[in-house]
C-alpha atoms as a PDB file:
ATOM      1  CA  MET A   1      88.024  87.808 120.588  1.00  0.00           C
ATOM      2  CA  ASN A   2      89.385  89.607 123.666  1.00  0.00           C
ATOM      3  CA  LYS A   3      89.945  93.316 123.292  1.00  0.00           C
ATOM      4  CA  PRO A   4      93.659  94.190 123.274  1.00  0.00           C
ATOM      5  CA  LEU A   5      95.394  96.731 125.495  1.00  0.00           C
ATOM      6  CA  ILE A   6      96.243  99.754 123.358  1.00  0.00           C
ATOM      7  CA  LEU A   7      98.923 102.365 124.074  1.00  0.00           C
ATOM      8  CA  VAL A   8      97.918 105.757 122.637  1.00  0.00           C
ATOM      9  CA  VAL A   9     100.934 108.028 122.042  1.00  0.00           C
ATOM     10  CA  GLU A  10      99.709 111.485 121.056  1.00  0.00           C
ATOM     11  CA  ASP A  11     100.675 114.947 122.353  1.00  0.00           C
ATOM     12  CA  ASP A  12      97.725 116.801 120.766  1.00  0.00           C
ATOM     13  CA  ALA A  13      94.995 116.755 123.424  1.00  0.00           C
ATOM     14  CA  SER A  14      92.069 117.040 120.996  1.00  0.00           C
ATOM     15  CA  ILE A  15      93.229 114.125 118.852  1.00  0.00           C
ATOM     16  CA  ARG A  16      94.160 112.084 121.911  1.00  0.00           C
ATOM     17  CA  ASN A  17      90.693 112.671 123.412  1.00  0.00           C
ATOM     18  CA  LEU A  18      89.045 111.622 120.136  1.00  0.00           C
ATOM     19  CA  MET A  19      91.046 108.410 120.073  1.00  0.00           C
ATOM     20  CA  ILE A  20      90.321 107.678 123.733  1.00  0.00           C
ATOM     21  CA  ALA A  21      86.596 108.320 123.254  1.00  0.00           C
ATOM     22  CA  THR A  22      86.594 105.971 120.266  1.00  0.00           C
ATOM     23  CA  LEU A  23      88.372 103.240 122.189  1.00  0.00           C
ATOM     24  CA  LYS A  24      86.050 103.665 125.179  1.00  0.00           C
ATOM     25  CA  ALA A  25      82.952 103.483 122.991  1.00  0.00           C
ATOM     26  CA  HIS A  26      84.126 100.150 121.595  1.00  0.00           C
ATOM     27  CA  ASP A  27      85.258  98.694 124.934  1.00  0.00           C
ATOM     28  CA  TYR A  28      88.985  98.734 124.229  1.00  0.00           C
ATOM     29  CA  LYS A  29      91.416  98.899 127.119  1.00  0.00           C
ATOM     30  CA  TYR A  30      93.945 101.709 126.784  1.00  0.00           C
ATOM     31  CA  ILE A  31      96.806 103.618 128.359  1.00  0.00           C
ATOM     32  CA  THR A  32      98.257 106.918 127.179  1.00  0.00           C
ATOM     33  CA  ALA A  33     101.578 108.665 126.721  1.00  0.00           C
ATOM     34  CA  PHE A  34     102.252 112.290 125.726  1.00  0.00           C
ATOM     35  CA  ASN A  35     105.826 112.051 124.451  1.00  0.00           C
ATOM     36  CA  GLY A  36     108.433 109.575 123.248  1.00  0.00           C
ATOM     37  CA  LYS A  37     110.113 108.891 126.597  1.00  0.00           C
ATOM     38  CA  SER A  38     106.834 108.179 128.385  1.00  0.00           C
ATOM     39  CA  ALA A  39     105.731 106.023 125.425  1.00  0.00           C
ATOM     40  CA  MET A  40     108.763 103.776 125.809  1.00  0.00           C
ATOM     41  CA  MET A  41     108.267 103.591 129.584  1.00  0.00           C
ATOM     42  CA  GLU A  42     104.598 102.643 129.203  1.00  0.00           C
ATOM     43  CA  ALA A  43     105.426 100.097 126.503  1.00  0.00           C
ATOM     44  CA  ALA A  44     108.057  98.461 128.718  1.00  0.00           C
ATOM     45  CA  SER A  45     105.912  98.567 131.877  1.00  0.00           C
ATOM     46  CA  HIS A  46     102.536  97.446 130.501  1.00  0.00           C
ATOM     47  CA  ASN A  47     103.464  95.425 127.395  1.00  0.00           C
ATOM     48  CA  PRO A  48     100.501  96.673 125.318  1.00  0.00           C
ATOM     49  CA  ASP A  49      99.104  94.578 122.492  1.00  0.00           C
ATOM     50  CA  ILE A  50      98.987  97.472 119.990  1.00  0.00           C
ATOM     51  CA  ILE A  51     100.634 100.919 119.911  1.00  0.00           C
ATOM     52  CA  LEU A  52      99.007 103.913 118.188  1.00  0.00           C
ATOM     53  CA  LEU A  53     101.915 106.293 117.624  1.00  0.00           C
ATOM     54  CA  ASP A  54     102.109 109.914 116.481  1.00  0.00           C
ATOM     55  CA  LEU A  55     105.403 110.793 114.793  1.00  0.00           C
ATOM     56  CA  GLY A  56     105.524 114.483 115.701  1.00  0.00           C
ATOM     57  CA  LEU A  57     106.245 114.132 119.407  1.00  0.00           C
ATOM     58  CA  PRO A  58     107.697 117.024 121.464  1.00  0.00           C
ATOM     59  CA  ASP A  59     110.835 115.248 122.712  1.00  0.00           C
ATOM     60  CA  ILE A  60     111.785 112.354 120.408  1.00  0.00           C
ATOM     61  CA  ASP A  61     110.747 111.827 116.803  1.00  0.00           C
ATOM     62  CA  GLY A  62     108.281 108.982 116.455  1.00  0.00           C
ATOM     63  CA  VAL A  63     110.538 107.125 114.011  1.00  0.00           C
ATOM     64  CA  GLU A  64     113.210 106.929 116.707  1.00  0.00           C
ATOM     65  CA  VAL A  65     110.593 105.625 119.142  1.00  0.00           C
ATOM     66  CA  ILE A  66     109.799 102.852 116.648  1.00  0.00           C
ATOM     67  CA  GLN A  67     113.499 102.022 116.292  1.00  0.00           C
ATOM     68  CA  ARG A  68     114.014 101.806 120.057  1.00  0.00           C
ATOM     69  CA  ILE A  69     110.896  99.724 120.720  1.00  0.00           C
ATOM     70  CA  ARG A  70     111.863  97.331 117.933  1.00  0.00           C
ATOM     71  CA  THR A  71     115.110  96.502 119.744  1.00  0.00           C
ATOM     72  CA  TRP A  72     113.102  94.599 122.361  1.00  0.00           C
ATOM     73  CA  SER A  73     109.490  94.220 121.220  1.00  0.00           C
ATOM     74  CA  ASN A  74     107.481  93.091 118.177  1.00  0.00           C
ATOM     75  CA  THR A  75     104.292  94.785 119.405  1.00  0.00           C
ATOM     76  CA  PRO A  76     102.282  95.975 116.370  1.00  0.00           C
ATOM     77  CA  ILE A  77     102.697  99.734 115.857  1.00  0.00           C
ATOM     78  CA  ILE A  78     100.148 101.753 113.895  1.00  0.00           C
ATOM     79  CA  VAL A  79     101.516 105.186 113.027  1.00  0.00           C
ATOM     80  CA  ILE A  80      98.967 108.015 113.060  1.00  0.00           C
ATOM     81  CA  SER A  81     100.602 111.108 111.623  1.00  0.00           C
ATOM     82  CA  ALA A  82     100.022 114.314 109.690  1.00  0.00           C
ATOM     83  CA  ARG A  83     103.084 113.448 107.590  1.00  0.00           C
ATOM     84  CA  SER A  84     101.457 112.321 104.365  1.00  0.00           C
ATOM     85  CA  GLU A  85     104.411 112.031 101.984  1.00  0.00           C
ATOM     86  CA  ASP A  86     105.217 108.537 100.704  1.00  0.00           C
ATOM     87  CA  THR A  87     108.809 108.935 101.905  1.00  0.00           C
ATOM     88  CA  ASP A  88     107.597 109.493 105.487  1.00  0.00           C
ATOM     89  CA  LYS A  89     105.419 106.379 105.308  1.00  0.00           C
ATOM     90  CA  ILE A  90     108.225 104.303 103.850  1.00  0.00           C
ATOM     91  CA  VAL A  91     110.720 105.388 106.526  1.00  0.00           C
ATOM     92  CA  ALA A  92     108.299 104.552 109.352  1.00  0.00           C
ATOM     93  CA  LEU A  93     107.345 101.188 107.849  1.00  0.00           C
ATOM     94  CA  ASP A  94     110.954 100.266 107.098  1.00  0.00           C
ATOM     95  CA  GLN A  95     111.907 101.025 110.696  1.00  0.00           C
ATOM     96  CA  GLY A  96     109.291  98.577 111.960  1.00  0.00           C
ATOM     97  CA  ALA A  97     105.829 100.174 111.935  1.00  0.00           C
ATOM     98  CA  ASP A  98     103.055  97.780 110.910  1.00  0.00           C
ATOM     99  CA  ASP A  99     100.606 100.283 109.456  1.00  0.00           C
ATOM    100  CA  TYR A 100     100.281 104.003 108.709  1.00  0.00           C
ATOM    101  CA  LEU A 101      97.167 106.163 109.079  1.00  0.00           C
ATOM    102  CA  THR A 102      97.309 109.772 107.873  1.00  0.00           C
ATOM    103  CA  LYS A 103      95.687 112.648 109.760  1.00  0.00           C
ATOM    104  CA  PRO A 104      92.944 113.721 109.510  1.00  0.00           C
ATOM    105  CA  PHE A 105      91.445 110.256 109.805  1.00  0.00           C
ATOM    106  CA  SER A 106      87.928 108.935 110.315  1.00  0.00           C
ATOM    107  CA  VAL A 107      86.924 106.980 113.389  1.00  0.00           C
ATOM    108  CA  GLU A 108      85.721 104.175 111.122  1.00  0.00           C
ATOM    109  CA  GLU A 109      89.130 103.874 109.452  1.00  0.00           C
ATOM    110  CA  LEU A 110      90.916 103.804 112.807  1.00  0.00           C
ATOM    111  CA  LEU A 111      88.630 101.024 114.013  1.00  0.00           C
ATOM    112  CA  ALA A 112      89.154  99.110 110.770  1.00  0.00           C
ATOM    113  CA  ARG A 113      92.954  99.295 111.145  1.00  0.00           C
ATOM    114  CA  LEU A 114      92.624  98.065 114.730  1.00  0.00           C
ATOM    115  CA  ARG A 115      90.481  95.124 113.627  1.00  0.00           C
ATOM    116  CA  VAL A 116      93.032  94.147 110.967  1.00  0.00           C
ATOM    117  CA  THR A 117      95.853  94.295 113.504  1.00  0.00           C
ATOM    118  CA  GLN A 118      93.779  92.398 116.053  1.00  0.00           C
ATOM    119  CA  ARG A 119      93.157  89.574 113.591  1.00  0.00           C
ATOM    120  CA  ARG A 120      96.876  89.412 112.850  1.00  0.00           C
ATOM    121  CA  LEU A 121      97.576  89.180 116.580  1.00  0.00           C
ATOM    122  CA  ALA A 122      95.034  86.375 116.929  1.00  0.00           C
ATOM    123  CA  VAL A 123      96.678  84.424 114.110  1.00  0.00           C
ATOM    124  CA  MET A 124     100.113  84.857 115.682  1.00  0.00           C
ATOM    125  CA  GLN A 125      98.900  83.850 119.136  1.00  0.00           C
ATOM    126  CA  ALA A 126      97.139  80.787 117.736  1.00  0.00           C
ATOM    127  CA  GLY A 127     100.420  79.616 116.268  1.00  0.00           C
ATOM    128  CA  THR A 128      99.239  79.850 112.664  1.00  0.00           C
ATOM    129  CA  ASN A 129     101.854  82.344 111.567  1.00  0.00           C
ATOM    130  CA  THR A 130     105.257  81.659 110.040  1.00  0.00           C
ATOM    131  CA  ASN A 131     105.901  78.695 112.350  1.00  0.00           C
ATOM    132  CA  CYS A 132     102.914  76.839 110.925  1.00  0.00           C
ATOM    133  CA  ALA A 133     103.474  74.349 108.107  1.00  0.00           C
ATOM    134  CA  VAL A 134     100.279  75.368 106.296  1.00  0.00           C
ATOM    135  CA  PHE A 135      98.917  78.907 105.934  1.00  0.00           C
ATOM    136  CA  THR A 136      95.244  79.403 105.111  1.00  0.00           C
ATOM    137  CA  ASN A 137      93.470  82.633 104.253  1.00  0.00           C
ATOM    138  CA  GLY A 138      89.959  82.357 102.864  1.00  0.00           C
ATOM    139  CA  LYS A 139      90.191  79.990  99.885  1.00  0.00           C
ATOM    140  CA  LEU A 140      93.964  80.375  99.664  1.00  0.00           C
ATOM    141  CA  LYS A 141      96.292  77.756 101.157  1.00  0.00           C
ATOM    142  CA  VAL A 142     100.098  77.744 101.190  1.00  0.00           C
ATOM    143  CA  ASP A 143     101.902  74.546 102.161  1.00  0.00           C
ATOM    144  CA  PHE A 144     105.350  75.780 103.163  1.00  0.00           C
ATOM    145  CA  ILE A 145     106.836  72.288 103.522  1.00  0.00           C
ATOM    146  CA  ALA A 146     105.602  71.006 100.164  1.00  0.00           C
ATOM    147  CA  GLY A 147     106.335  74.331  98.474  1.00  0.00           C
ATOM    148  CA  CYS A 148     102.873  74.492  96.927  1.00  0.00           C
ATOM    149  CA  ALA A 149      99.979  76.932  96.970  1.00  0.00           C
ATOM    150  CA  TYR A 150      96.300  76.253  96.333  1.00  0.00           C
ATOM    151  CA  LEU A 151      93.260  78.380  95.569  1.00  0.00           C
ATOM    152  CA  GLU A 152      89.858  76.754  95.995  1.00  0.00           C
ATOM    153  CA  GLU A 153      91.698  73.407  96.366  1.00  0.00           C
ATOM    154  CA  LYS A 154      93.296  73.815  92.923  1.00  0.00           C
ATOM    155  CA  GLU A 155      97.080  74.066  92.782  1.00  0.00           C
ATOM    156  CA  LEU A 156      98.418  77.415  91.629  1.00  0.00           C
ATOM    157  CA  HIS A 157     101.157  77.207  89.009  1.00  0.00           C
ATOM    158  CA  LEU A 158     103.568  79.839  90.286  1.00  0.00           C
ATOM    159  CA  THR A 159     107.052  80.788  89.209  1.00  0.00           C
ATOM    160  CA  PRO A 160     109.739  80.595  91.938  1.00  0.00           C
ATOM    161  CA  ILE A 161     109.659  84.376  92.390  1.00  0.00           C
ATOM    162  CA  GLU A 162     105.848  84.458  92.563  1.00  0.00           C
ATOM    163  CA  TYR A 163     105.912  81.720  95.197  1.00  0.00           C
ATOM    164  CA  LYS A 164     108.535  83.563  97.258  1.00  0.00           C
ATOM    165  CA  LEU A 165     106.422  86.728  97.084  1.00  0.00           C
ATOM    166  CA  LEU A 166     103.312  84.847  98.150  1.00  0.00           C
ATOM    167  CA  CYS A 167     105.126  83.255 101.101  1.00  0.00           C
ATOM    168  CA  LEU A 168     106.546  86.594 102.225  1.00  0.00           C
ATOM    169  CA  LEU A 169     103.113  88.229 102.122  1.00  0.00           C
ATOM    170  CA  ALA A 170     101.508  85.250 103.883  1.00  0.00           C
ATOM    171  CA  GLN A 171     104.112  85.335 106.633  1.00  0.00           C
ATOM    172  CA  ASN A 172     103.247  89.002 107.242  1.00  0.00           C
ATOM    173  CA  VAL A 173      99.480  88.909 106.706  1.00  0.00           C
ATOM    174  CA  GLY A 174      97.839  92.217 107.619  1.00  0.00           C
ATOM    175  CA  LYS A 175     101.134  94.120 107.565  1.00  0.00           C
ATOM    176  CA  VAL A 176     102.195  96.682 104.962  1.00  0.00           C
ATOM    177  CA  LEU A 177     105.511  95.629 103.405  1.00  0.00           C
ATOM    178  CA  THR A 178     107.459  98.363 101.631  1.00  0.00           C
ATOM    179  CA  HIS A 179     108.992  97.942  98.180  1.00  0.00           C
ATOM    180  CA  THR A 180     112.457  98.110  99.739  1.00  0.00           C
ATOM    181  CA  TYR A 181     111.678  95.437 102.342  1.00  0.00           C
ATOM    182  CA  ILE A 182     110.220  93.061  99.743  1.00  0.00           C
ATOM    183  CA  THR A 183     113.004  93.484  97.180  1.00  0.00           C
ATOM    184  CA  GLN A 184     115.680  92.985  99.825  1.00  0.00           C
ATOM    185  CA  LYS A 185     113.981  89.777 100.958  1.00  0.00           C
ATOM    186  CA  ILE A 186     113.425  88.463  97.425  1.00  0.00           C
ATOM    187  CA  TRP A 187     116.526  89.667  95.546  1.00  0.00           C
ATOM    188  CA  GLY A 188     118.841  90.815  98.338  1.00  0.00           C
ATOM    189  CA  SER A 189     118.891  94.395  97.067  1.00  0.00           C
ATOM    190  CA  SER A 190     116.579  97.330  96.419  1.00  0.00           C
ATOM    191  CA  TRP A 191     117.720  98.886  93.154  1.00  0.00           C
ATOM    192  CA  GLU A 192     115.173 100.626  90.955  1.00  0.00           C
ATOM    193  CA  ASN A 193     115.225  97.761  88.464  1.00  0.00           C
ATOM    194  CA  ASP A 194     114.319  95.353  91.297  1.00  0.00           C
ATOM    195  CA  ILE A 195     111.330  97.522  92.226  1.00  0.00           C
ATOM    196  CA  ALA A 196     110.255  97.573  88.574  1.00  0.00           C
ATOM    197  CA  SER A 197     110.577  93.782  88.490  1.00  0.00           C
ATOM    198  CA  LEU A 198     108.587  93.550  91.709  1.00  0.00           C
ATOM    199  CA  ARG A 199     105.661  95.356  90.108  1.00  0.00           C
ATOM    200  CA  VAL A 200     105.725  92.947  87.165  1.00  0.00           C
ATOM    201  CA  PHE A 201     105.862  89.817  89.324  1.00  0.00           C
ATOM    202  CA  MET A 202     103.198  91.181  91.678  1.00  0.00           C
ATOM    203  CA  ALA A 203     100.917  91.832  88.703  1.00  0.00           C
ATOM    204  CA  THR A 204     101.295  88.255  87.450  1.00  0.00           C
ATOM    205  CA  LEU A 205     100.780  86.848  90.963  1.00  0.00           C
ATOM    206  CA  ARG A 206      97.587  88.855  91.389  1.00  0.00           C
ATOM    207  CA  LYS A 207      96.212  87.555  88.083  1.00  0.00           C
ATOM    208  CA  LYS A 208      96.522  84.050  89.493  1.00  0.00           C
ATOM    209  CA  LEU A 209      95.040  84.959  92.888  1.00  0.00           C
ATOM    210  CA  GLU A 210      92.356  87.557  92.208  1.00  0.00           C
ATOM    211  CA  SER A 211      89.178  86.651  90.332  1.00  0.00           C
ATOM    212  CA  THR A 212      88.310  90.360  90.093  1.00  0.00           C
ATOM    213  CA  PRO A 213      91.516  92.415  89.596  1.00  0.00           C
ATOM    214  CA  ASP A 214      89.658  95.724  90.064  1.00  0.00           C
ATOM    215  CA  ALA A 215      88.453  94.575  93.500  1.00  0.00           C
ATOM    216  CA  PRO A 216      91.417  92.669  94.981  1.00  0.00           C
ATOM    217  CA  GLN A 217      90.607  90.303  97.801  1.00  0.00           C
ATOM    218  CA  TYR A 218      94.056  89.130  98.856  1.00  0.00           C
ATOM    219  CA  ILE A 219      96.723  91.680  97.918  1.00  0.00           C
ATOM    220  CA  GLN A 220      96.240  95.388  98.575  1.00  0.00           C
ATOM    221  CA  THR A 221      98.467  97.961  96.877  1.00  0.00           C
ATOM    222  CA  HIS A 222      99.685 100.981  98.855  1.00  0.00           C
ATOM    223  CA  ILE A 223     100.656 103.253  95.979  1.00  0.00           C
ATOM    224  CA  GLY A 224     104.230 104.480  96.253  1.00  0.00           C
ATOM    225  CA  VAL A 225     104.787 102.448  99.432  1.00  0.00           C
ATOM    226  CA  GLY A 226     104.296  98.702  99.001  1.00  0.00           C
ATOM    227  CA  TYR A 227     101.843  95.825  99.410  1.00  0.00           C
ATOM    228  CA  ARG A 228      99.793  94.085 102.090  1.00  0.00           C
ATOM    229  CA  MET A 229      98.095  90.683 102.164  1.00  0.00           C
ATOM    230  CA  MET A 230      94.659  91.185 103.634  1.00  0.00           C
ATOM    231  CA  ARG A 231      93.057  88.710 105.995  1.00  0.00           C
ATOM    232  CA  VAL A 232      90.032  87.156 104.290  1.00  0.00           C
ATOM    233  CA  GLU A 233      87.183  86.026 106.545  1.00  0.00           C
END
């Protein structure tokens, strides 16, 4: 797998140097930006494969940077921020961020998030994303045309809502989807009762997907934020 070009947007020199050293050590290509305006210029000029974005920039808030980039690009954006409240994560993800890493972070976790995003990019570039008639992930298979899902070649008996949830997660594999995003896609609204219903339906879906509920393989919960389908090797 070719290493992607990564745009590092971070105004704190010590953190930026740590990230650059990490990328160098693992043979990633990178470019840097120190504020929001330069980040958007670099993104437009170099078309990076992944953006690592701090939210607390000196000129423009990182959330606004996400909003502006999303008007013309679907480049995966991993937020790296000291803002640790669930509301901050939800706002960034709802505006178009693909993942959220809270400072202080470990080098190993940063590399893991990059690998997840890289695999998602590879799937998209191979044409096996939402435009593909059949989605496969480990022993899970979703046939979008037939409207059926299979686990270990056995058909899963899903309710219509469970199937819609599974399709939505499959179409965004590797990406954190917020409660609000999911409920709007499934029910067309995001009232509290819809979020409560989401938790119930997600629990029943997981029982049908996960052989070991305490160690989920396919669906990862981000407490207070949402859910992510993980890519299974």
